[in-house]
Amino acid sequence: MTIRGDWSLALAGCLLAAGCTAEPSAGQRAADWEARRTRMIDSQLRARGIADKRVLDAMQKVPRHLFVPEEYRSRAYDDSPLPIGHDQTISQPYIVGYMSEALELRPTDRVLEIGTGSGYQAAILGELAGDVYTIEIVPELAERARAALDAAGYRNVHVRHGNGYLGWPEAAPFDRIIVTAAPEKIPQALVDQLAVGGIMVVPVGAVYDDQIMTIVRKTDKGVVTRETLPVRFVPMKKRIE
């Protein structure tokens, strides 16, 4: 049996043949997921200008499908966001790559992530930085992400259920901050917790059709912001569930 795009489709075809009882091996399944990640890297990231080798290598390594609900797992490497429950989504792969590259991460950086969601972006950060502190306002998502990250072996990623607007003050300052939901304006607490010389990447806007990715750099003379591309993120929540 030849394993192409989706091994489950190939298996279904095989089972239609008389006497066929073969199932794809664990190795075949792993090879298929690896091939899908490679296509994602080539067609969705490199083709759109993501060039940071460390980011590309991290996204090749991290098994995105393990951070996607079972019912959407076959679409894990599609060029689109996917639902993860509680009106939240896992971001489109390109956006994950874009934000990760914009952070200009160094191996020793301490990173704060607001909006853990599925845990996938935190896993990418865990590959690229020293320590990652990630906050999720929905308790069920926080627990699910913690379990997925623990199972994947990310001991440098610390998950908290809490209000992202408040940041993580006892662990501050942070070299980098990434926000994966859209506030109406950049929370001052996050600016305060960003180290001098640090970078924050955050989508800003009150509604889906009026959001802009914003790069914040904190210098010893103040804060400099730069708007880059229009985006569509779920709104950043203020109330803990």
Protein backbone atom coordinates (compact mmCIF):
# COMPACT_ATOMS: atom_id res chain seq x y z
CA MET A 1 0.00 0.00 0.00
CA THR A 2 1.32 3.43 -0.93
CA ILE A 3 0.95 6.04 1.79
CA ARG A 4 0.22 9.45 0.28
CA GLY A 5 -1.45 12.64 1.67
CA ASP A 6 -3.85 11.10 4.21
CA TRP A 7 -3.00 7.60 5.39
CA SER A 8 -6.61 7.09 6.56
CA LEU A 9 -7.86 7.51 2.98
CA ALA A 10 -5.30 5.04 1.72
CA LEU A 11 -6.34 2.61 4.45
CA ALA A 12 -10.01 3.00 3.53
CA GLY A 13 -9.17 2.09 -0.07
CA CYS A 14 -7.22 -0.91 1.07
CA LEU A 15 -10.06 -2.20 3.21
CA LEU A 16 -12.33 -2.21 0.16
CA ALA A 17 -10.09 -4.84 -1.37
CA ALA A 18 -10.98 -8.44 -0.51
CA GLY A 19 -8.94 -9.84 2.34
CA CYS A 20 -7.02 -6.65 3.10
CA THR A 21 -6.46 -6.21 6.87
CA ALA A 22 -3.37 -4.02 6.83
CA GLU A 23 -3.19 -0.93 9.02
CA PRO A 24 -0.58 1.82 8.80
CA SER A 25 2.25 1.34 11.23
CA ALA A 26 3.21 3.94 13.82
CA GLY A 27 6.20 4.72 11.63
CA GLN A 28 4.00 5.29 8.58
CA ARG A 29 1.70 7.59 10.55
CA ALA A 30 4.66 9.55 11.92
CA ALA A 31 6.12 9.86 8.42
CA ASP A 32 2.80 11.18 7.11
CA TRP A 33 2.56 13.86 9.82
CA GLU A 34 6.20 14.79 9.15
CA ALA A 35 5.46 15.16 5.44
CA ARG A 36 2.48 17.38 6.20
CA ARG A 37 4.63 19.63 8.39
CA THR A 38 7.19 19.90 5.60
CA ARG A 39 4.49 20.96 3.14
CA MET A 40 3.20 23.48 5.69
CA ILE A 41 6.68 24.95 6.09
CA ASP A 42 7.30 25.19 2.35
CA SER A 43 3.91 26.41 1.13
CA GLN A 44 2.63 28.48 4.06
CA LEU A 45 5.76 29.87 5.73
CA ARG A 46 8.74 30.06 3.36
CA ALA A 47 6.50 31.03 0.45
CA ARG A 48 5.22 34.01 2.47
CA GLY A 49 8.59 35.24 3.63
CA ILE A 50 9.19 33.51 6.97
CA ALA A 51 12.95 32.98 6.83
CA ASP A 52 14.23 32.59 10.41
CA LYS A 53 15.79 29.11 10.41
CA ARG A 54 15.22 28.60 14.12
CA VAL A 55 11.51 29.35 13.73
CA LEU A 56 11.18 27.07 10.71
CA ASP A 57 13.04 24.27 12.48
CA ALA A 58 10.82 24.63 15.56
CA MET A 59 7.66 24.48 13.50
CA GLN A 60 8.99 21.45 11.64
CA LYS A 61 9.68 19.72 14.95
CA VAL A 62 6.56 20.48 17.01
CA PRO A 63 3.66 18.07 16.22
CA ARG A 64 0.87 20.58 15.67
CA HIS A 65 -1.72 17.82 15.30
CA LEU A 66 -1.28 16.84 18.96
CA PHE A 67 -2.49 20.31 19.99
CA VAL A 68 -5.66 20.15 17.85
CA PRO A 69 -8.93 18.53 19.04
CA GLU A 70 -9.40 15.03 17.67
CA GLU A 71 -12.28 16.01 15.38
CA TYR A 72 -10.07 18.54 13.58
CA ARG A 73 -6.80 16.62 13.67
CA SER A 74 -6.87 15.72 9.98
CA ARG A 75 -6.86 19.49 9.24
CA ALA A 76 -4.06 20.34 11.68
CA TYR A 77 -1.68 21.50 8.93
CA ASP A 78 -4.26 23.38 6.87
CA ASP A 79 -3.68 27.04 6.04
CA SER A 80 -6.32 28.27 8.49
CA PRO A 81 -7.16 28.65 12.18
CA LEU A 82 -9.13 25.82 13.80
CA PRO A 83 -11.63 25.71 16.69
CA ILE A 84 -10.35 24.40 20.03
CA GLY A 85 -13.55 24.92 22.04
CA HIS A 86 -14.87 27.71 24.26
CA ASP A 87 -15.08 30.06 21.25
CA GLN A 88 -11.28 30.00 20.92
CA THR A 89 -9.01 28.95 18.06
CA ILE A 90 -5.52 27.70 17.30
CA SER A 91 -3.95 30.30 15.03
CA GLN A 92 -3.19 29.78 11.35
CA PRO A 93 0.35 28.34 11.01
CA TYR A 94 1.58 31.40 9.11
CA ILE A 95 0.52 33.70 11.95
CA VAL A 96 2.32 31.51 14.48
CA GLY A 97 5.44 31.70 12.33
CA TYR A 98 5.07 35.43 11.76
CA MET A 99 4.68 36.29 15.43
CA SER A 100 7.48 33.94 16.47
CA GLU A 101 9.85 35.50 13.94
CA ALA A 102 8.83 39.05 14.92
CA LEU A 103 9.84 38.33 18.52
CA GLU A 104 13.48 37.86 17.45
CA LEU A 105 13.87 35.20 20.12
CA ARG A 106 17.17 34.26 21.72
CA PRO A 107 17.79 30.93 23.49
CA THR A 108 18.11 32.62 26.89
CA ASP A 109 15.00 34.82 26.65
CA ARG A 110 12.24 34.77 29.25
CA VAL A 111 8.92 34.97 27.43
CA LEU A 112 5.40 35.81 28.58
CA GLU A 113 2.53 34.53 26.42
CA ILE A 114 -0.99 35.83 26.90
CA GLY A 115 -3.55 33.34 25.62
CA THR A 116 -2.25 29.77 25.91
CA GLY A 117 -5.15 28.32 23.94
CA SER A 118 -4.15 24.88 22.69
CA GLY A 119 -0.55 25.23 23.89
CA TYR A 120 0.91 25.03 20.36
CA GLN A 121 2.40 28.53 20.28
CA ALA A 122 3.84 27.93 23.76
CA ALA A 123 5.52 24.76 22.48
CA ILE A 124 7.11 26.70 19.62
CA LEU A 125 8.31 29.31 22.13
CA GLY A 126 9.63 26.49 24.31
CA GLU A 127 11.84 25.39 21.42
CA LEU A 128 13.17 28.90 20.83
CA ALA A 129 13.54 30.51 24.28
CA GLY A 130 14.77 29.79 27.78
CA ASP A 131 11.62 29.93 29.92
CA VAL A 132 8.04 30.51 28.81
CA TYR A 133 5.28 31.75 31.12
CA THR A 134 1.86 31.39 29.53
CA ILE A 135 -1.53 32.53 30.85
CA GLU A 136 -4.96 31.23 29.78
CA ILE A 137 -8.23 32.70 31.04
CA VAL A 138 -10.36 29.62 30.25
CA PRO A 139 -9.63 26.95 32.90
CA GLU A 140 -10.44 23.95 30.70
CA LEU A 141 -8.07 25.17 28.00
CA ALA A 142 -5.35 25.89 30.55
CA GLU A 143 -5.56 22.34 31.91
CA ARG A 144 -5.70 20.76 28.45
CA ALA A 145 -2.70 22.79 27.27
CA ARG A 146 -0.74 21.98 30.43
CA ALA A 147 -1.35 18.26 29.88
CA ALA A 148 -0.36 18.46 26.20
CA LEU A 149 2.82 20.41 26.95
CA ASP A 150 3.77 18.06 29.78
CA ALA A 151 3.19 15.04 27.55
CA ALA A 152 5.39 16.62 24.88
CA GLY A 153 8.16 17.18 27.43
CA TYR A 154 8.22 20.98 27.62
CA ARG A 155 9.55 21.46 31.14
CA ASN A 156 10.49 25.09 30.42
CA VAL A 157 6.86 26.10 29.76
CA HIS A 158 4.85 27.21 32.80
CA VAL A 159 1.05 27.42 32.46
CA ARG A 160 -1.24 29.54 34.62
CA HIS A 161 -5.01 30.02 34.63
CA GLY A 162 -5.55 33.74 35.04
CA ASN A 163 -6.29 37.15 33.59
CA GLY A 164 -3.80 38.04 30.89
CA TYR A 165 -4.48 41.76 31.30
CA LEU A 166 -2.60 41.54 34.62
CA GLY A 167 0.40 39.67 33.21
CA TRP A 168 2.59 37.60 35.52
CA PRO A 169 4.16 40.27 37.77
CA GLU A 170 6.12 38.01 40.11
CA ALA A 171 8.01 36.51 37.13
CA ALA A 172 8.66 39.88 35.42
CA PRO A 173 10.49 41.43 33.72
CA PHE A 174 10.22 39.53 30.45
CA ASP A 175 12.53 39.82 27.46
CA ARG A 176 9.66 39.09 25.11
CA ILE A 177 5.86 39.17 25.35
CA ILE A 178 3.43 37.68 22.83
CA VAL A 179 -0.34 38.19 22.95
CA THR A 180 -2.49 35.74 20.98
CA ALA A 181 -5.86 37.46 21.47
CA ALA A 182 -6.78 41.02 20.57
CA PRO A 183 -7.16 43.71 23.25
CA GLU A 184 -8.77 47.03 22.33
CA LYS A 185 -5.53 48.70 23.41
CA ILE A 186 -2.21 47.39 24.72
CA PRO A 187 -2.56 46.65 28.46
CA GLN A 188 -0.29 48.90 30.51
CA ALA A 189 0.59 46.03 32.86
CA LEU A 190 2.20 44.20 29.95
CA VAL A 191 4.19 47.26 28.92
CA ASP A 192 5.36 47.61 32.53
CA GLN A 193 6.44 43.95 32.65
CA LEU A 194 8.44 44.16 29.40
CA ALA A 195 12.16 44.58 30.06
CA VAL A 196 14.08 47.50 28.60
CA GLY A 197 15.33 46.27 25.25
CA GLY A 198 12.39 43.87 25.04
CA ILE A 199 9.89 43.20 22.26
CA MET A 200 6.13 42.61 22.45
CA VAL A 201 4.02 41.33 19.57
CA VAL A 202 0.28 41.93 19.95
CA PRO A 203 -2.80 42.18 17.69
CA VAL A 204 -4.72 45.34 18.64
CA GLY A 205 -8.31 46.19 17.78
CA ALA A 206 -11.83 46.17 19.15
CA VAL A 207 -13.47 44.11 16.40
CA TYR A 208 -12.39 41.38 13.97
CA ASP A 209 -12.29 43.65 10.93
CA ASP A 210 -10.28 46.39 12.62
CA GLN A 211 -7.24 44.65 14.11
CA ILE A 212 -3.60 45.32 13.34
CA MET A 213 -0.51 43.39 14.36
CA THR A 214 1.64 45.69 16.44
CA ILE A 215 5.33 45.37 17.33
CA VAL A 216 6.31 47.12 20.56
CA ARG A 217 9.92 47.85 21.47
CA LYS A 218 10.79 49.18 24.91
CA THR A 219 13.89 51.36 25.05
CA ASP A 220 15.53 53.30 27.83
CA LYS A 221 13.90 56.38 26.31
CA GLY A 222 10.38 54.98 26.08
CA VAL A 223 8.16 52.73 23.98
CA VAL A 224 8.17 52.58 20.18
CA THR A 225 5.33 50.86 18.31
CA ARG A 226 5.08 49.74 14.68
CA GLU A 227 1.95 48.45 12.97
CA THR A 228 2.49 45.71 10.40
CA LEU A 229 -0.38 43.65 8.94
CA PRO A 230 -4.17 43.40 9.37
CA VAL A 231 -5.24 40.31 11.34
CA ARG A 232 -8.30 38.62 12.84
CA PHE A 233 -7.94 37.30 16.39
CA VAL A 234 -10.51 36.36 19.02
CA PRO A 235 -11.03 39.22 21.49
CA MET A 236 -8.88 39.24 24.61
CA LYS A 237 -11.10 38.45 27.63
CA LYS A 238 -10.95 40.35 30.91
CA ARG A 239 -13.13 38.17 33.11
CA ILE A 240 -11.78 34.89 34.49
CA GLU A 241 -14.10 31.92 33.88
